[in-house]
Amino acid sequence: MAHNTATPSNSVAQNEVMASLDDDGRTERLIIADTTADGAWLSVPVSGSVDLQSWQ
């Protein structure tokens, strides 16, 4: 089985995407952000997420 992969191109800007768990004491949230673009982030409650093995 071949994996679905992509090779970066020199003509395409490279993005840096990071994820973090934030626990402010009330709700644990998953934050995903593209560090190369202003305002390119999202935040979702961990309680509403699905672990990777279940998602596959």
Protein backbone atom coordinates (compact mmCIF):
# COMPACT_ATOMS: atom_id res chain seq x y z
CA MET A 1 0.00 0.00 0.00
CA ALA A 2 1.39 3.38 -0.99
CA HIS A 3 1.14 6.19 1.51
CA ASN A 4 -0.40 9.50 0.46
CA THR A 5 2.63 11.78 0.59
CA ALA A 6 3.60 15.11 -0.90
CA THR A 7 7.00 16.52 -1.75
CA PRO A 8 7.62 20.20 -0.96
CA SER A 9 8.23 22.46 -3.93
CA ASN A 10 10.69 25.36 -3.97
CA SER A 11 8.00 27.60 -5.48
CA VAL A 12 5.52 27.04 -2.62
CA ALA A 13 5.89 28.81 0.72
CA GLN A 14 6.47 26.38 3.57
CA ASN A 15 3.98 26.45 6.44
CA GLU A 16 4.78 25.63 10.03
CA VAL A 17 1.82 24.11 11.81
CA MET A 18 1.96 23.43 15.53
CA ALA A 19 -0.48 21.98 18.06
CA SER A 20 -0.73 22.49 21.79
CA LEU A 21 -3.01 21.53 24.66
CA ASP A 22 -4.15 24.51 26.72
CA ASP A 23 -5.62 23.95 30.17
CA ASP A 24 -6.81 27.26 31.62
CA GLY A 25 -8.38 25.53 34.60
CA ARG A 26 -11.88 25.31 33.15
CA THR A 27 -11.71 23.50 29.80
CA GLU A 28 -8.79 21.66 28.21
CA ARG A 29 -8.53 22.80 24.57
CA LEU A 30 -6.50 21.71 21.54
CA ILE A 31 -5.00 24.66 19.68
CA ILE A 32 -3.67 24.25 16.13
CA ALA A 33 -1.86 27.18 14.52
CA ASP A 34 0.01 28.02 11.32
CA THR A 35 2.90 30.07 12.71
CA THR A 36 3.63 31.67 9.33
CA ALA A 37 0.27 33.45 9.03
CA ASP A 38 -1.43 35.96 11.33
CA GLY A 39 -4.77 34.75 12.64
CA ALA A 40 -4.41 31.23 11.17
CA TRP A 41 -5.38 29.14 14.20
CA LEU A 42 -8.24 27.21 15.68
CA SER A 43 -9.17 26.00 19.13
CA VAL A 44 -11.48 23.11 20.03
CA PRO A 45 -12.41 21.46 23.33
CA VAL A 46 -10.49 18.23 23.86
CA SER A 47 -13.70 16.60 25.09
CA GLY A 48 -15.16 16.91 21.59
CA SER A 49 -12.15 15.43 19.80
CA VAL A 50 -11.51 11.92 18.51
CA ASP A 51 -8.21 10.13 19.02
CA LEU A 52 -6.26 9.34 15.84
CA GLN A 53 -6.78 5.58 15.92
CA SER A 54 -10.57 5.99 16.14
CA TRP A 55 -10.54 8.55 13.33
CA GLN A 56 -8.67 6.24 10.93
